[in-house]
Structures are given as structure tokens and as C-alpha cells.
N, C-alpha and C. Protein backbone atom coordinates (compact mmCIF):
# COMPACT_ATOMS: atom_id res chain seq x y z
N MET A 1 41.42 3.86 0.80
CA MET A 1 40.37 4.91 1.17
C MET A 1 39.17 4.64 0.52
N ARG A 2 38.10 4.99 1.02
CA ARG A 2 36.70 4.94 0.71
C ARG A 2 35.66 6.68 1.07
N LEU A 3 34.77 7.13 -0.12
CA LEU A 3 34.77 7.82 -0.66
C LEU A 3 32.98 7.97 0.90
N VAL A 4 33.75 8.98 1.66
CA VAL A 4 32.71 9.53 3.07
C VAL A 4 31.87 9.93 2.66
N GLU A 5 32.06 11.18 1.87
CA GLU A 5 30.02 12.02 0.98
C GLU A 5 31.28 12.89 -0.22
N VAL A 6 29.69 13.08 -0.25
CA VAL A 6 29.29 14.02 -1.89
C VAL A 6 29.16 14.84 -0.97
N ILE A 7 29.89 16.30 -1.01
CA ILE A 7 29.52 17.38 -0.48
C ILE A 7 28.87 18.42 -1.62
N PRO A 8 27.12 18.75 -1.74
CA PRO A 8 27.13 19.60 -2.99
C PRO A 8 27.39 21.18 -2.19
N HIS A 9 27.55 21.27 -3.55
CA HIS A 9 28.15 23.69 -4.23
C HIS A 9 28.18 23.62 -5.67
N PRO A 10 27.33 24.79 -5.73
CA PRO A 10 26.93 25.06 -6.78
C PRO A 10 28.24 25.34 -7.62
N ILE A 11 28.88 24.92 -7.51
CA ILE A 11 30.54 25.65 -8.73
C ILE A 11 31.31 24.01 -8.80
N PHE A 12 32.15 24.07 -7.38
CA PHE A 12 32.50 22.32 -6.95
C PHE A 12 31.90 21.16 -7.54
N LYS A 13 32.78 19.98 -8.05
CA LYS A 13 32.22 18.79 -7.38
C LYS A 13 33.35 18.83 -5.69
N ILE A 14 32.70 17.93 -4.96
CA ILE A 14 33.74 18.03 -3.76
C ILE A 14 32.37 16.49 -2.56
N SER A 15 34.43 15.50 -2.67
CA SER A 15 33.95 14.45 -2.75
C SER A 15 35.20 14.58 -1.11
N VAL A 16 34.67 13.72 -0.57
CA VAL A 16 35.34 13.46 0.91
C VAL A 16 35.70 11.74 1.13
N TYR A 17 37.56 11.54 1.23
CA TYR A 17 37.64 10.16 1.26
C TYR A 17 38.31 9.83 3.10
N SER A 18 38.07 8.74 3.44
CA SER A 18 38.84 8.72 4.67
C SER A 18 39.38 7.35 4.19
N HIS A 19 41.00 7.81 4.94
CA HIS A 19 42.42 7.12 4.61
C HIS A 19 42.66 6.58 6.17
N ASP A 20 43.43 5.78 6.89
CA ASP A 20 43.79 6.45 7.99
C ASP A 20 42.99 7.08 9.18
N LEU A 21 44.40 7.81 9.30
CA LEU A 21 44.12 9.05 10.15
C LEU A 21 43.99 10.22 9.72
N HIS A 22 43.49 10.06 8.19
CA HIS A 22 43.58 11.94 7.49
C HIS A 22 41.86 11.29 6.70
N TYR A 23 41.37 12.60 6.16
CA TYR A 23 40.74 12.80 5.81
C TYR A 23 41.23 13.57 4.47
N TYR A 24 40.63 13.34 3.41
CA TYR A 24 41.23 13.47 1.89
C TYR A 24 40.13 14.27 1.08
N ILE A 25 40.37 16.09 1.08
CA ILE A 25 38.97 16.28 0.84
C ILE A 25 39.86 16.71 -0.83
N GLU A 26 38.38 16.67 -2.00
CA GLU A 26 38.82 16.73 -3.52
C GLU A 26 37.82 17.58 -4.14
N ILE A 27 37.76 18.80 -4.36
CA ILE A 27 36.99 20.11 -5.25
C ILE A 27 37.83 19.65 -6.48
N GLU A 28 37.05 19.43 -7.81
CA GLU A 28 37.15 19.73 -8.80
C GLU A 28 36.21 20.67 -9.42
N GLY A 29 37.14 21.95 -10.04
CA GLY A 29 36.63 22.67 -10.81
C GLY A 29 37.18 22.41 -12.14
N GLY A 30 35.94 22.20 -13.10
CA GLY A 30 36.30 22.10 -14.88
C GLY A 30 37.11 21.27 -14.82
N PRO A 31 38.19 20.84 -16.05
CA PRO A 31 39.35 20.23 -15.74
C PRO A 31 40.75 20.20 -14.93
N MET A 32 40.54 21.35 -13.81
CA MET A 32 41.58 20.85 -12.63
C MET A 32 40.88 20.79 -11.28
N LYS A 33 41.92 20.01 -10.81
CA LYS A 33 41.09 19.32 -9.87
C LYS A 33 42.08 19.80 -8.68
N GLN A 34 41.61 19.97 -6.91
CA GLN A 34 42.18 20.25 -5.88
C GLN A 34 42.47 19.11 -5.24
N CYS A 35 43.43 19.20 -4.10
CA CYS A 35 43.27 17.69 -3.18
C CYS A 35 43.83 18.26 -1.35
N PHE A 36 43.30 17.64 -0.49
CA PHE A 36 43.64 19.30 0.88
C PHE A 36 43.39 17.78 1.69
N LYS A 37 44.55 17.34 2.36
CA LYS A 37 44.46 16.17 3.41
C LYS A 37 44.65 17.07 5.18
N PHE A 38 43.88 17.02 5.71
CA PHE A 38 42.94 17.10 6.96
C PHE A 38 43.56 16.12 7.89
N SER A 39 44.05 15.81 8.76
CA SER A 39 44.06 14.83 9.89
C SER A 39 42.95 14.82 10.87
N LYS A 40 42.80 13.11 10.90
CA LYS A 40 41.48 13.00 11.36
C LYS A 40 40.92 13.86 13.04
N GLU A 41 42.93 13.94 13.59
CA GLU A 41 42.62 14.99 14.99
C GLU A 41 42.16 16.43 15.04
N LEU A 42 42.31 16.70 13.93
CA LEU A 42 41.78 18.46 13.39
C LEU A 42 40.88 18.68 13.31
N VAL A 43 40.00 18.16 11.96
CA VAL A 43 38.56 17.36 12.50
C VAL A 43 37.51 16.92 13.79
N SER A 44 37.24 17.56 13.86
CA SER A 44 36.52 17.74 14.76
C SER A 44 34.61 17.35 14.18
N ALA A 45 34.28 16.02 14.81
CA ALA A 45 32.49 15.48 14.68
C ALA A 45 31.33 16.97 15.83
N GLU A 46 32.19 17.31 16.70
CA GLU A 46 31.63 17.87 18.06
C GLU A 46 31.86 19.66 17.10
N LYS A 47 32.46 20.45 16.15
CA LYS A 47 32.15 21.25 15.68
C LYS A 47 32.44 21.41 14.48
N GLY A 48 30.85 20.09 13.61
CA GLY A 48 30.76 20.05 12.57
C GLY A 48 31.42 19.54 11.37
N GLY A 49 32.64 19.26 11.70
CA GLY A 49 33.55 18.95 11.30
C GLY A 49 33.83 19.03 9.78
N ILE A 50 33.62 17.87 8.65
CA ILE A 50 34.78 19.06 7.51
C ILE A 50 33.92 19.78 7.03
N ASN A 51 32.22 20.04 7.16
CA ASN A 51 31.12 20.69 6.47
C ASN A 51 31.70 22.73 6.87
N ALA A 52 32.04 22.63 8.74
CA ALA A 52 32.24 23.49 9.32
C ALA A 52 33.32 24.28 8.75
N LEU A 53 34.49 22.88 8.19
CA LEU A 53 36.30 23.77 7.99
C LEU A 53 36.08 23.99 6.29
N LEU A 54 35.26 23.78 5.71
CA LEU A 54 35.06 24.37 4.54
C LEU A 54 33.38 25.79 4.24
N ASP A 55 34.10 26.54 4.69
CA ASP A 55 33.84 27.83 4.76
C ASP A 55 33.43 28.34 3.28
N GLU A 56 32.93 29.35 3.51
CA GLU A 56 33.28 30.48 2.19
C GLU A 56 34.11 31.39 1.64
N ALA A 57 35.03 30.90 3.02
CA ALA A 57 36.10 32.56 2.88
C ALA A 57 37.37 30.65 2.44
N PHE A 58 36.91 29.71 2.58
CA PHE A 58 37.85 28.31 1.73
C PHE A 58 38.15 28.76 1.09
N PHE A 59 35.94 28.34 0.08
CA PHE A 59 35.73 28.28 -0.73
C PHE A 59 36.59 29.25 -2.08
N LYS A 60 36.19 30.45 -1.37
CA LYS A 60 36.97 32.10 -2.11
C LYS A 60 39.14 31.31 -2.63
N GLN A 61 38.86 31.25 -2.21
CA GLN A 61 41.09 31.02 -1.61
C GLN A 61 40.97 30.00 -3.02
N VAL A 62 40.07 28.45 -3.19
CA VAL A 62 40.05 27.23 -3.71
C VAL A 62 39.54 27.86 -4.92
N LYS A 63 38.86 28.64 -5.31
CA LYS A 63 38.51 29.39 -6.96
C LYS A 63 39.65 30.34 -7.03
N THR A 64 40.34 31.23 -6.53
CA THR A 64 41.46 31.59 -6.77
C THR A 64 42.39 30.98 -7.01
N VAL A 65 42.83 29.67 -6.49
CA VAL A 65 43.97 28.63 -6.84
C VAL A 65 43.33 28.26 -8.67
N PHE A 66 42.41 27.86 -9.06
CA PHE A 66 41.49 27.16 -10.03
C PHE A 66 41.44 27.99 -10.47
N ASP A 67 41.67 29.59 -10.48
CA ASP A 67 41.51 30.86 -11.67
C ASP A 67 43.30 31.13 -11.64
N THR A 68 43.79 31.11 -11.01
CA THR A 68 45.33 30.62 -11.60
C THR A 68 45.86 29.63 -11.83
N MET A 69 45.33 28.14 -11.61
CA MET A 69 45.93 27.14 -12.23
C MET A 69 44.85 27.53 -13.37
N HIS A 70 43.80 27.36 -14.48
CA HIS A 70 43.40 27.33 -15.30
C HIS A 70 43.92 28.29 -16.65
N GLN A 71 44.39 29.71 -15.49
CA GLN A 71 45.74 30.59 -16.19
C GLN A 71 46.79 30.10 -16.79
N ASN A 72 47.74 28.99 -15.89
CA ASN A 72 49.09 28.24 -16.40
C ASN A 72 48.75 27.87 -17.47
N PHE A 73 47.61 27.22 -17.18
CA PHE A 73 47.26 25.74 -18.30
C PHE A 73 46.68 26.51 -19.50
N SER A 74 46.00 27.23 -20.05
CA SER A 74 45.06 28.05 -20.90
C SER A 74 47.12 29.17 -20.95
N ASP A 75 48.12 29.79 -20.63
CA ASP A 75 49.41 29.82 -21.35
C ASP A 75 50.40 28.68 -21.97
N ALA A 76 50.67 27.78 -21.39
CA ALA A 76 51.40 26.31 -21.81
C ALA A 76 50.45 26.36 -23.04
N VAL A 77 49.44 25.82 -23.08
CA VAL A 77 48.72 25.38 -24.57
C VAL A 77 49.11 26.67 -25.23
N ARG A 78 48.82 27.81 -25.21
CA ARG A 78 49.15 28.75 -26.06
C ARG A 78 51.07 29.13 -26.80
N ARG A 79 51.46 28.59 -25.39
CA ARG A 79 52.84 28.33 -25.98
C ARG A 79 53.14 27.12 -26.37
N TYR A 80 52.47 26.14 -27.03
CA TYR A 80 52.30 25.00 -27.49
C TYR A 80 52.45 25.45 -28.88
N LYS A 81 51.06 26.68 -28.85
CA LYS A 81 50.54 25.81 -30.20
C LYS A 81 52.01 27.20 -31.07
N ASN A 82 52.91 27.55 -30.31
CA ASN A 82 53.46 28.34 -31.66
C ASN A 82 54.56 27.45 -31.60
N LEU A 83 54.70 26.77 -31.29
CA LEU A 83 55.79 26.11 -31.62
C LEU A 83 55.34 25.78 -32.65
């Protein structure tokens, strides 16, 4: 797997990796990370490729998942401290 691109974003760190038949998009938000795997057949360079796929609606949903992940983590830490 090789790093293809780092996509600038004001909130997230976005790294794109290429491996055989897929692209792996790794999105970091603080201590949390989400990874998506897209078929190279699905992502066409003619339509703008990865950058066109990662639109504002996508990032809005990513942020919602990060918010949930953060809440889950905070809840787990709180429970742990109460043991």
C-alpha cells in the first residue's frame, strides 16, 4: 500500500492510499480515525476522482460519526473512572 495523496481540509487530516484494486481513504479527527475503501473501478479520474467523491455531504456525515465516536469514548472513560 502506498500513499497517493494528502488532501487538505480545515478540520480533518485526509490521506489517500492505493493498494491493488482499491483506494483507502483515511480520515483523522483528533484521536479518532475512520477509513473507507473504494474500488478503483468505482472512482473515475474522468469525474474528478477521489476529490469529487469526498464532497461536503460526505464530510458532514463523517463529522457526525466522529461526534458519536467521541461520545462513546468519553462514556467509556467515565465508566472506567467509576469502577
